[in-house]
Protein backbone atom coordinates (compact mmCIF):
# COMPACT_ATOMS: atom_id res chain seq x y z
CA UNK A 1 27.97 -35.57 42.34
CA UNK A 2 25.14 -33.10 42.04
CA UNK A 3 22.76 -32.45 44.86
CA UNK A 4 19.47 -34.31 44.07
CA UNK A 5 17.50 -31.52 45.73
CA UNK A 6 19.13 -28.84 43.55
CA UNK A 7 18.63 -30.96 40.44
CA UNK A 8 14.95 -31.43 41.29
CA UNK A 9 14.52 -27.64 41.73
CA UNK A 10 16.08 -26.95 38.33
CA UNK A 11 13.85 -29.49 36.64
CA UNK A 12 10.77 -27.94 38.30
CA UNK A 13 11.84 -24.45 37.18
CA UNK A 14 12.19 -25.68 33.58
CA UNK A 15 8.77 -27.31 33.75
CA UNK A 16 7.18 -24.15 35.15
CA UNK A 17 8.78 -21.83 32.55
CA UNK A 18 6.23 -22.52 29.74
CA UNK A 19 3.35 -22.04 32.20
CA UNK A 20 4.77 -18.68 33.31
CA UNK A 21 5.15 -17.54 29.70
CA UNK A 22 1.55 -18.48 28.92
CA UNK A 23 0.33 -16.60 32.01
CA UNK A 24 2.41 -13.52 31.14
CA UNK A 25 1.00 -13.59 27.61
CA UNK A 26 -2.56 -13.75 28.96
CA UNK A 27 -1.86 -10.83 31.31
CA UNK A 28 -0.44 -8.72 28.45
CA UNK A 29 -3.44 -9.51 26.22
CA UNK A 30 -5.92 -8.62 29.00
CA UNK A 31 -4.07 -5.36 29.67
CA UNK A 32 -4.10 -4.50 25.95
CA UNK A 33 -7.82 -5.29 25.78
CA UNK A 34 -8.56 -3.05 28.76
CA UNK A 35 -6.52 -0.19 27.28
CA UNK A 36 -8.30 -0.57 23.92
CA UNK A 37 -11.68 -0.64 25.69
CA UNK A 38 -10.87 2.52 27.65
CA UNK A 39 -9.70 4.34 24.50
CA UNK A 40 -12.78 3.22 22.55
CA UNK A 41 -15.17 4.19 25.32
CA UNK A 42 -13.70 7.49 26.51
CA UNK A 43 -11.43 8.88 23.77
CA UNK A 44 -11.84 7.73 20.15
CA UNK A 45 -13.77 5.05 18.32
CA UNK A 46 -12.88 3.97 14.77
CA UNK A 47 -15.52 3.72 12.06
CA UNK A 48 -15.47 2.89 8.36
CA UNK A 49 -17.55 4.63 5.70
CA UNK A 50 -19.57 2.00 3.76
CA UNK A 51 -21.97 4.25 1.81
CA UNK A 52 -21.95 7.26 -0.49
CA UNK A 53 -24.07 9.54 1.71
CA UNK A 54 -21.26 11.99 2.55
CA UNK A 55 -19.37 11.95 -0.74
CA UNK A 56 -17.32 13.80 -1.85
CA UNK A 57 -16.25 14.81 1.66
CA UNK A 58 -16.11 11.26 3.03
CA UNK A 59 -15.60 8.51 0.47
CA UNK A 60 -16.60 4.86 0.60
CA UNK A 61 -13.58 3.11 2.12
CA UNK A 62 -12.53 6.02 4.36
CA UNK A 63 -11.70 5.11 7.97
CA UNK A 64 -12.27 7.77 10.59
CA UNK A 65 -11.88 8.35 14.31
CA UNK A 66 -14.81 9.83 16.24
CA UNK A 67 -13.98 11.63 19.48
CA UNK A 68 -16.10 10.54 22.43
CA UNK A 69 -15.13 13.35 24.80
CA UNK A 70 -16.30 16.20 22.53
CA UNK A 71 -20.01 15.61 23.13
CA UNK A 72 -19.55 13.89 26.48
CA UNK A 73 -20.89 10.46 27.36
CA UNK A 74 -24.19 8.60 27.26
CA UNK A 75 -25.07 4.92 27.29
CA UNK A 76 -24.41 4.99 23.51
CA UNK A 77 -20.76 5.84 24.19
CA UNK A 78 -20.01 2.40 25.60
CA UNK A 79 -19.95 -1.08 24.02
CA UNK A 80 -23.32 -2.81 24.31
CA UNK A 81 -24.63 0.33 26.12
CA UNK A 82 -23.15 -1.28 29.22
CA UNK A 83 -23.16 1.90 31.31
CA UNK A 84 -26.70 3.10 32.09
CA UNK A 85 -26.48 6.92 31.82
CA UNK A 86 -29.63 9.02 31.71
CA UNK A 87 -29.03 11.61 28.96
CA UNK A 88 -25.44 12.86 28.64
CA UNK A 89 -22.70 13.93 31.02
CA UNK A 90 -19.77 16.26 30.36
CA UNK A 91 -18.86 17.54 26.89
CA UNK A 92 -20.70 20.12 24.82
CA UNK A 93 -23.62 20.16 22.42
CA UNK A 94 -23.08 19.61 18.66
CA UNK A 95 -22.53 22.63 16.45
CA UNK A 96 -24.13 23.18 13.07
CA UNK A 97 -21.95 21.79 10.28
CA UNK A 98 -20.12 19.19 12.35
CA UNK A 99 -20.13 15.57 11.19
CA UNK A 100 -21.30 13.16 13.89
CA UNK A 101 -21.75 9.43 14.43
CA UNK A 102 -25.03 8.43 16.02
CA UNK A 103 -27.58 5.67 16.30
CA UNK A 104 -31.06 6.60 15.05
CA UNK A 105 -33.99 5.61 17.23
CA UNK A 106 -35.56 3.22 14.66
CA UNK A 107 -32.19 1.63 13.79
CA UNK A 108 -29.53 -0.43 15.51
CA UNK A 109 -26.61 0.54 13.26
CA UNK A 110 -24.34 3.58 13.57
CA UNK A 111 -24.97 6.37 11.04
CA UNK A 112 -22.70 9.27 10.14
CA UNK A 113 -24.18 12.57 8.90
CA UNK A 114 -23.73 16.32 9.16
CA UNK A 115 -25.49 18.36 11.86
CA UNK A 116 -27.90 20.68 10.00
CA UNK A 117 -30.74 21.46 12.40
CA UNK A 118 -30.41 22.38 16.07
CA UNK A 119 -33.15 22.01 18.70
CA UNK A 120 -36.05 24.34 17.87
CA UNK A 121 -34.99 24.91 14.23
CA UNK A 122 -37.33 24.63 11.27
CA UNK A 123 -35.77 22.77 8.34
CA UNK A 124 -37.16 22.50 4.81
CA UNK A 125 -35.95 21.60 1.32
CA UNK A 126 -37.28 23.63 -1.60
CA UNK A 127 -36.18 22.63 -5.10
CA UNK A 128 -32.97 21.21 -3.68
CA UNK A 129 -32.17 24.30 -1.62
CA UNK A 130 -31.83 23.88 2.15
CA UNK A 131 -33.86 26.34 4.22
CA UNK A 132 -33.19 26.94 7.93
CA UNK A 133 -35.80 28.88 9.88
CA UNK A 134 -37.37 30.13 6.67
CA UNK A 135 -34.11 31.42 5.14
CA UNK A 136 -32.38 29.75 2.17
CA UNK A 137 -28.86 28.56 2.84
CA UNK A 138 -26.22 29.98 0.51
CA UNK A 139 -25.52 27.49 -2.28
CA UNK A 140 -23.02 28.16 -5.07
CA UNK A 141 -22.60 25.82 -8.04
CA UNK A 142 -18.98 24.71 -8.48
CA UNK A 143 -19.11 22.13 -11.28
CA UNK A 144 -19.94 18.51 -12.05
CA UNK A 145 -18.51 15.16 -11.01
CA UNK A 146 -19.12 11.41 -11.30
CA UNK A 147 -20.41 9.80 -8.11
CA UNK A 148 -20.23 6.03 -7.55
CA UNK A 149 -22.27 4.38 -4.80
CA UNK A 150 -21.60 1.19 -2.82
CA UNK A 151 -23.27 -0.91 -5.53
CA UNK A 152 -20.87 0.42 -8.17
CA UNK A 153 -23.57 2.53 -9.86
CA UNK A 154 -22.12 5.78 -11.23
CA UNK A 155 -24.07 8.92 -12.04
CA UNK A 156 -23.17 12.47 -12.95
CA UNK A 157 -23.79 14.94 -10.14
CA UNK A 158 -23.74 18.70 -9.82
CA UNK A 159 -21.47 19.98 -7.05
CA UNK A 160 -22.15 23.03 -4.90
CA UNK A 161 -20.49 24.93 -2.10
CA UNK A 162 -23.04 25.21 0.70
CA UNK A 163 -22.47 27.70 3.53
CA UNK A 164 -24.47 27.46 6.74
CA UNK A 165 -25.57 30.51 8.78
CA UNK A 166 -22.61 30.07 11.15
CA UNK A 167 -20.12 30.26 8.24
CA UNK A 168 -19.30 26.54 7.92
CA UNK A 169 -18.83 25.60 4.24
CA UNK A 170 -18.59 22.21 2.55
CA UNK A 171 -19.35 20.51 -0.76
CA UNK A 172 -22.76 19.01 -1.52
CA UNK A 173 -23.77 16.90 -4.50
CA UNK A 174 -27.11 16.70 -6.30
CA UNK A 175 -28.26 14.37 -9.06
CA UNK A 176 -31.17 16.74 -9.65
CA UNK A 177 -33.38 19.18 -7.74
CA UNK A 178 -36.47 17.01 -8.13
CA UNK A 179 -35.51 13.98 -6.01
CA UNK A 180 -37.62 12.40 -3.28
CA UNK A 181 -36.28 14.71 -0.58
CA UNK A 182 -35.60 17.86 -2.65
CA UNK A 183 -39.03 19.28 -1.79
CA UNK A 184 -40.30 18.63 1.71
CA UNK A 185 -42.66 19.86 4.35
CA UNK A 186 -41.26 21.89 7.26
CA UNK A 187 -39.45 19.82 9.90
CA UNK A 188 -39.67 21.26 13.41
CA UNK A 189 -36.72 19.91 15.39
CA UNK A 190 -37.81 18.90 18.94
CA UNK A 191 -35.98 19.99 22.07
CA UNK A 192 -32.75 18.05 22.73
CA UNK A 193 -32.84 16.60 19.19
CA UNK A 194 -30.86 17.27 16.00
CA UNK A 195 -31.58 17.17 12.27
CA UNK A 196 -28.90 15.26 10.36
CA UNK A 197 -28.25 15.23 6.60
CA UNK A 198 -25.76 13.72 4.18
CA UNK A 199 -23.78 15.91 1.77
CA UNK A 200 -24.63 13.60 -1.14
CA UNK A 201 -28.19 14.81 -0.99
CA UNK A 202 -29.89 12.42 -3.42
CA UNK A 203 -28.03 9.38 -2.09
CA UNK A 204 -28.46 9.90 1.62
CA UNK A 205 -31.04 8.37 3.94
CA UNK A 206 -31.15 10.90 6.75
CA UNK A 207 -33.45 12.94 9.00
CA UNK A 208 -35.59 13.91 6.01
CA UNK A 209 -37.01 10.38 6.30
CA UNK A 210 -38.80 10.49 9.64
CA UNK A 211 -39.60 6.77 9.52
CA UNK A 212 -36.02 5.64 8.86
CA UNK A 213 -33.85 8.18 10.71
CA UNK A 214 -35.86 11.17 11.87
CA UNK A 215 -34.87 13.58 14.60
CA UNK A 216 -31.86 12.29 16.53
CA UNK A 217 -31.87 12.59 20.36
CA UNK A 218 -28.67 14.06 21.75
CA UNK A 219 -28.32 10.99 23.96
CA UNK A 220 -27.98 8.85 20.81
CA UNK A 221 -24.82 10.60 19.61
CA UNK A 222 -21.74 8.38 19.74
CA UNK A 223 -19.08 10.94 18.88
CA UNK A 224 -17.86 13.76 16.65
CA UNK A 225 -16.07 12.62 13.50
CA UNK A 226 -12.61 14.18 13.58
CA UNK A 227 -9.79 12.48 11.70
CA UNK A 228 -9.47 10.26 8.65
CA UNK A 229 -6.64 7.81 9.34
CA UNK A 230 -6.95 5.39 6.39
CA UNK A 231 -8.64 5.19 3.01
CA UNK A 232 -8.87 2.43 0.42
CA UNK A 233 -10.75 2.16 -2.86
CA UNK A 234 -13.71 -0.14 -3.49
CA UNK A 235 -14.19 -0.72 0.25
CA UNK A 236 -11.47 -3.38 0.22
CA UNK A 237 -10.46 -4.98 3.52
CA UNK A 238 -7.65 -2.84 5.02
CA UNK A 239 -5.88 -5.87 6.48
CA UNK A 240 -5.33 -7.33 2.99
CA UNK A 241 -2.03 -5.50 2.49
CA UNK A 242 -1.51 -7.14 -0.91
CA UNK A 243 -4.38 -4.95 -2.16
CA UNK A 244 -2.75 -1.73 -0.99
CA UNK A 245 -0.65 -0.93 -4.09
CA UNK A 246 -2.84 1.04 -6.43
CA UNK A 247 -5.83 1.04 -4.05
CA UNK A 248 -4.83 2.91 -0.89
CA UNK A 249 -5.60 6.63 -1.11
CA UNK A 250 -2.40 7.85 0.54
CA UNK A 251 -3.35 11.50 0.11
CA UNK A 252 -6.43 11.06 2.33
CA UNK A 253 -4.68 9.57 5.34
CA UNK A 254 -3.99 11.27 8.67
CA UNK A 255 -5.86 14.50 8.09
CA UNK A 256 -8.87 16.31 9.50
CA UNK A 257 -12.11 15.53 7.71
CA UNK A 258 -12.92 19.24 7.79
CA UNK A 259 -10.06 20.27 5.47
């Protein structure tokens, strides 16, 4: 005959097994959440590109990682601005030509644009040509292309190779040289602020609109855009794997956005 006390212990162990498994699952999920939160806050944060403002360098449907440590940390580095930091700590200042994620003062959404003006710079557009501190930026026509925005509206654009004073080159697109922001007054960038512009010049809402974006305080930078890790046409949901065949841009995955 079996010992009733041993039998009772076995029955209790069987009853407790599901509870232990549930608790272990909760612990694993909490640990994973903490790790993800640490990575997002201190290392890299993922973002998707929903608009045409940086085409053809960043396409609608590109997914990128922005490094947090490059520019250091501010309250904008953390979810819900949970850590009250005055200004920024650690890191370095943005360099002209880098692409950065930030939150404009008048807005509550993250924007992604290229750093064009540094603190103290004077920025102006004249007939579609960017001027920095009174000097025109080198701009060489390279051809034409068809540009499609997030509403599916396609237009022909002229493409140029633009080279900043520090030697950074990239492609810009223009519908014409007579758009709303192709001829502007002089913008004087305040101390500790930056002037941000999209490469798709006639389809970008950026620092040229002082009421919508304006000069961006360094504290409002979230991170430096570094790597494109996924890309899908038509801004389709990436989790819908049945849409991948014929829509995923395999050639744009896992590469620097500065190539």
